[in-house]
């Protein structure tokens, strides 16, 4: 969505994709989950804007769609601000997992790679298999447009900053609603990432067998099942 360009239909569940893909990637999950919308974060996919626009943009998005359940994948989990909704589903939330390696934080190299990457190369990089290349065609096209690749390359460095990771954990601890953490068995949480949800009063964890960081690509039906189940649970913060 380009902010201000068009009105979104009402949706009780809104999905915020992670890097470096766009909202199209979530189409199978959204279709299977029912009553959901996937929306590109500002500066990514087909959405204009910058990372600093995320808080105000999200508040406007929630007001416009009436969303009460946010689903955030990876860095999208950071955009899913707890104060806005009743339920959070965090899919592969980076701040509960290992910090990215040095190569992932080297923005110039990553930017050049992303701007030139074909769908097959993206599929191999994200899932280890080219079988999902067709689903990544529009994402690869977006990365060749304007500053999208630069934004997608710059943000991984931010995910490694201890201060930001600690702030996100603190916000999650204060969230009174329901939290569902969904991760792949091949993309585990850190020990602290395991302890935090266990300490929350209304948190559940789903581990998808044989899945990695981009489990919405490789295991869309399992992710949709988790989103759908969490979206229909009664919430302690509901009126």
Protein backbone atom coordinates (compact mmCIF):
# COMPACT_ATOMS: atom_id res chain seq x y z
CA UNK A 1 0.00 0.00 0.00
CA UNK A 2 1.25 3.48 -0.84
CA UNK A 3 0.17 5.64 2.13
CA UNK A 4 -2.75 7.86 1.19
CA UNK A 5 -3.13 6.30 -2.25
CA UNK A 6 -6.09 3.99 -1.67
CA UNK A 7 -8.37 2.86 1.09
CA UNK A 8 -7.91 -0.66 2.43
CA UNK A 9 -10.84 -2.92 3.08
CA UNK A 10 -11.63 -3.71 6.70
CA UNK A 11 -9.58 -6.62 7.98
CA UNK A 12 -9.45 -8.02 11.52
CA UNK A 13 -5.98 -9.43 10.77
CA UNK A 14 -3.17 -7.50 9.05
CA UNK A 15 0.12 -9.12 8.00
CA UNK A 16 3.37 -7.11 7.95
CA UNK A 17 5.96 -8.91 5.77
CA UNK A 18 9.66 -9.11 6.56
CA UNK A 19 12.70 -8.68 4.32
CA UNK A 20 13.34 -8.72 1.42
CA UNK A 21 9.94 -9.78 0.08
CA UNK A 22 6.69 -7.94 -0.58
CA UNK A 23 3.12 -8.58 0.51
CA UNK A 24 2.38 -10.76 -2.55
CA UNK A 25 4.42 -13.54 -0.96
CA UNK A 26 1.79 -13.87 1.76
CA UNK A 27 -1.12 -14.43 -0.65
CA UNK A 28 -1.47 -18.19 0.09
CA UNK A 29 -1.41 -17.56 3.86
CA UNK A 30 -3.85 -14.67 3.63
CA UNK A 31 -6.26 -16.67 1.45
CA UNK A 32 -6.19 -19.65 3.80
CA UNK A 33 -6.42 -17.56 6.97
CA UNK A 34 -9.54 -15.67 5.89
CA UNK A 35 -10.35 -12.06 6.81
CA UNK A 36 -6.71 -11.01 6.52
CA UNK A 37 -4.71 -8.48 4.52
CA UNK A 38 -0.96 -8.34 3.84
CA UNK A 39 0.48 -4.82 3.50
CA UNK A 40 3.98 -3.65 2.55
CA UNK A 41 5.81 -1.64 5.17
CA UNK A 42 6.84 1.92 4.15
CA UNK A 43 9.94 1.81 1.98
CA UNK A 44 9.47 -1.83 1.03
CA UNK A 45 7.58 -3.64 -1.71
CA UNK A 46 5.15 -1.19 -3.33
CA UNK A 47 4.84 1.12 -0.32
CA UNK A 48 6.37 4.60 -0.33
CA UNK A 49 8.03 6.08 2.73
CA UNK A 50 10.86 5.24 5.12
CA UNK A 51 11.57 3.19 8.21
CA UNK A 52 10.99 6.23 10.42
CA UNK A 53 7.42 6.42 9.07
CA UNK A 54 6.46 3.00 10.48
CA UNK A 55 4.89 4.07 13.84
CA UNK A 56 2.56 6.75 12.43
CA UNK A 57 1.81 4.63 9.36
CA UNK A 58 0.85 1.63 11.48
CA UNK A 59 -1.44 3.67 13.72
CA UNK A 60 -3.24 4.97 10.62
CA UNK A 61 -3.40 1.48 9.12
CA UNK A 62 -4.95 -0.04 12.24
CA UNK A 63 -7.51 2.78 12.41
CA UNK A 64 -8.37 2.39 8.73
CA UNK A 65 -8.71 -1.40 8.65
CA UNK A 66 -10.08 -1.93 12.16
CA UNK A 67 -7.40 -4.56 12.71
CA UNK A 68 -7.23 -6.19 16.12
CA UNK A 69 -4.66 -8.83 15.23
CA UNK A 70 -1.25 -8.03 13.73
CA UNK A 71 0.97 -10.68 12.18
CA UNK A 72 4.59 -9.61 11.78
CA UNK A 73 7.30 -11.64 10.09
CA UNK A 74 10.95 -11.11 11.07
CA UNK A 75 11.48 -7.33 10.97
CA UNK A 76 7.74 -6.96 10.43
CA UNK A 77 7.38 -8.24 13.99
CA UNK A 78 9.12 -5.06 15.14
CA UNK A 79 6.59 -2.92 13.29
CA UNK A 80 3.70 -4.73 15.01
CA UNK A 81 3.56 -2.34 17.93
CA UNK A 82 1.80 -3.96 20.90
CA UNK A 83 -0.20 -0.90 21.94
CA UNK A 84 -2.19 -0.84 18.72
CA UNK A 85 -4.04 -4.19 18.85
CA UNK A 86 -5.36 -7.03 21.02
CA UNK A 87 -3.36 -9.90 19.53
CA UNK A 88 0.11 -10.37 18.08
CA UNK A 89 1.40 -13.24 15.99
CA UNK A 90 5.17 -12.98 15.64
CA UNK A 91 6.52 -15.19 12.85
CA UNK A 92 10.29 -15.71 13.11
CA UNK A 93 10.67 -12.54 15.24
CA UNK A 94 14.29 -11.48 14.80
CA UNK A 95 14.65 -10.06 18.31
CA UNK A 96 14.00 -13.50 19.86
CA UNK A 97 16.56 -15.14 17.57
CA UNK A 98 20.28 -14.94 16.88
CA UNK A 99 21.75 -11.66 15.65
CA UNK A 100 22.54 -11.58 11.89
CA UNK A 101 26.06 -12.29 10.76
CA UNK A 102 28.53 -9.70 9.51
CA UNK A 103 27.81 -10.32 5.81
CA UNK A 104 24.09 -9.76 6.38
CA UNK A 105 24.97 -6.35 7.87
CA UNK A 106 27.20 -5.26 4.96
CA UNK A 107 24.65 -3.04 3.20
CA UNK A 108 26.56 -2.14 -0.02
CA UNK A 109 27.18 -5.78 -0.93
CA UNK A 110 23.64 -6.80 -0.05
CA UNK A 111 22.12 -3.87 -1.97
CA UNK A 112 23.98 -4.82 -5.16
CA UNK A 113 22.94 -8.42 -4.74
CA UNK A 114 19.27 -7.62 -4.14
CA UNK A 115 18.98 -5.22 -7.08
CA UNK A 116 20.33 -7.87 -9.46
CA UNK A 117 18.88 -11.03 -7.93
CA UNK A 118 16.54 -13.06 -10.09
CA UNK A 119 13.63 -14.95 -8.52
CA UNK A 120 15.56 -18.23 -8.65
CA UNK A 121 18.49 -16.71 -6.77
CA UNK A 122 16.19 -15.16 -4.17
CA UNK A 123 14.40 -18.46 -3.67
CA UNK A 124 17.68 -20.29 -3.19
CA UNK A 125 18.94 -17.64 -0.76
CA UNK A 126 15.75 -17.57 1.32
CA UNK A 127 14.74 -21.24 1.30
CA UNK A 128 17.67 -23.22 -0.10
CA UNK A 129 15.54 -24.29 -3.07
CA UNK A 130 14.47 -22.72 -6.37
CA UNK A 131 11.02 -24.31 -6.15
CA UNK A 132 9.54 -21.06 -4.81
CA UNK A 133 10.96 -18.81 -7.54
CA UNK A 134 7.59 -18.13 -9.17
CA UNK A 135 6.20 -16.76 -5.91
CA UNK A 136 9.13 -14.35 -5.70
CA UNK A 137 8.84 -12.74 -9.13
CA UNK A 138 7.06 -9.61 -7.97
CA UNK A 139 9.43 -9.26 -4.99
CA UNK A 140 12.45 -9.44 -7.31
CA UNK A 141 10.84 -6.81 -9.56
CA UNK A 142 10.22 -4.50 -6.59
CA UNK A 143 13.86 -4.78 -5.51
CA UNK A 144 14.94 -3.39 -8.88
CA UNK A 145 12.74 -0.34 -8.35
CA UNK A 146 14.02 2.88 -6.78
CA UNK A 147 15.37 2.63 -3.24
CA UNK A 148 13.65 -0.60 -2.19
CA UNK A 149 16.84 -2.69 -2.39
CA UNK A 150 18.78 -0.05 -0.43
CA UNK A 151 16.15 -0.05 2.32
CA UNK A 152 16.03 -3.84 2.42
CA UNK A 153 19.84 -3.96 2.64
CA UNK A 154 20.15 -1.29 5.33
CA UNK A 155 17.60 -2.66 7.81
CA UNK A 156 19.40 -5.94 8.71
CA UNK A 157 22.10 -3.88 10.42
CA UNK A 158 19.44 -2.38 12.66
CA UNK A 159 18.23 -5.84 13.68
CA UNK A 160 21.66 -6.53 15.18
CA UNK A 161 21.58 -3.55 17.54
CA UNK A 162 21.21 -4.74 21.14
CA UNK A 163 19.34 -1.60 22.18
CA UNK A 164 16.58 -2.08 19.62
CA UNK A 165 16.29 -5.77 20.39
CA UNK A 166 16.04 -5.02 24.12
CA UNK A 167 13.40 -2.34 23.54
CA UNK A 168 11.26 -4.77 21.55
CA UNK A 169 11.54 -7.43 24.23
CA UNK A 170 10.54 -4.89 26.89
CA UNK A 171 7.48 -3.83 24.87
CA UNK A 172 6.48 -7.45 24.44
CA UNK A 173 6.74 -8.05 28.19
CA UNK A 174 4.32 -5.16 28.78
CA UNK A 175 1.75 -6.31 26.22
CA UNK A 176 -1.41 -7.49 28.03
CA UNK A 177 -3.02 -9.23 25.05
CA UNK A 178 -2.44 -12.61 23.46
CA UNK A 179 0.89 -13.40 21.83
CA UNK A 180 1.59 -16.26 19.44
CA UNK A 181 5.20 -16.92 18.42
CA UNK A 182 5.60 -19.06 15.30
CA UNK A 183 9.05 -20.31 14.32
CA UNK A 184 10.58 -23.01 12.17
CA UNK A 185 12.44 -25.89 13.78
CA UNK A 186 15.50 -24.97 11.69
CA UNK A 187 15.31 -21.32 12.77
CA UNK A 188 15.20 -21.60 16.57
CA UNK A 189 14.93 -18.93 19.22
CA UNK A 190 17.76 -18.05 21.58
CA UNK A 191 17.48 -19.22 25.22
CA UNK A 192 16.21 -15.75 26.15
CA UNK A 193 13.82 -15.89 23.21
CA UNK A 194 12.43 -19.12 24.64
CA UNK A 195 12.11 -17.76 28.16
CA UNK A 196 10.31 -14.52 27.30
CA UNK A 197 7.10 -16.01 25.81
CA UNK A 198 7.04 -18.57 28.60
CA UNK A 199 6.89 -15.72 31.12
CA UNK A 200 3.97 -13.95 29.41
CA UNK A 201 0.50 -14.68 30.82
CA UNK A 202 -1.23 -15.16 27.45
CA UNK A 203 1.44 -16.52 25.09
CA UNK A 204 1.68 -19.65 22.96
CA UNK A 205 4.44 -20.97 20.73
CA UNK A 206 4.15 -23.01 17.54
CA UNK A 207 7.20 -24.71 16.06
CA UNK A 208 6.78 -25.76 12.42
CA UNK A 209 8.77 -28.90 11.71
CA UNK A 210 11.54 -28.74 9.10
CA UNK A 211 10.93 -25.04 8.42
CA UNK A 212 13.43 -22.18 8.32
CA UNK A 213 13.14 -18.41 8.62
CA UNK A 214 10.81 -17.97 5.64
CA UNK A 215 8.24 -20.56 6.65
CA UNK A 216 5.40 -18.59 5.07
CA UNK A 217 7.02 -19.53 1.73
CA UNK A 218 7.80 -23.15 2.46
CA UNK A 219 4.95 -24.02 4.85
CA UNK A 220 2.09 -21.60 4.08
CA UNK A 221 -0.70 -23.90 5.25
CA UNK A 222 0.89 -24.42 8.67
CA UNK A 223 1.42 -20.68 9.06
CA UNK A 224 -2.15 -19.94 7.95
CA UNK A 225 -3.46 -22.45 10.48
CA UNK A 226 -1.50 -20.74 13.24
CA UNK A 227 -2.69 -17.27 12.17
CA UNK A 228 -6.30 -18.37 11.86
CA UNK A 229 -6.38 -20.09 15.24
CA UNK A 230 -4.83 -17.15 17.04
CA UNK A 231 -7.05 -14.63 15.29
CA UNK A 232 -10.23 -16.27 16.55
CA UNK A 233 -9.19 -16.85 20.16
CA UNK A 234 -10.92 -14.72 22.79
CA UNK A 235 -8.66 -11.92 23.96
CA UNK A 236 -8.36 -10.72 27.54
CA UNK A 237 -8.22 -7.13 26.26
CA UNK A 238 -11.31 -7.35 24.06
CA UNK A 239 -14.22 -5.12 25.11
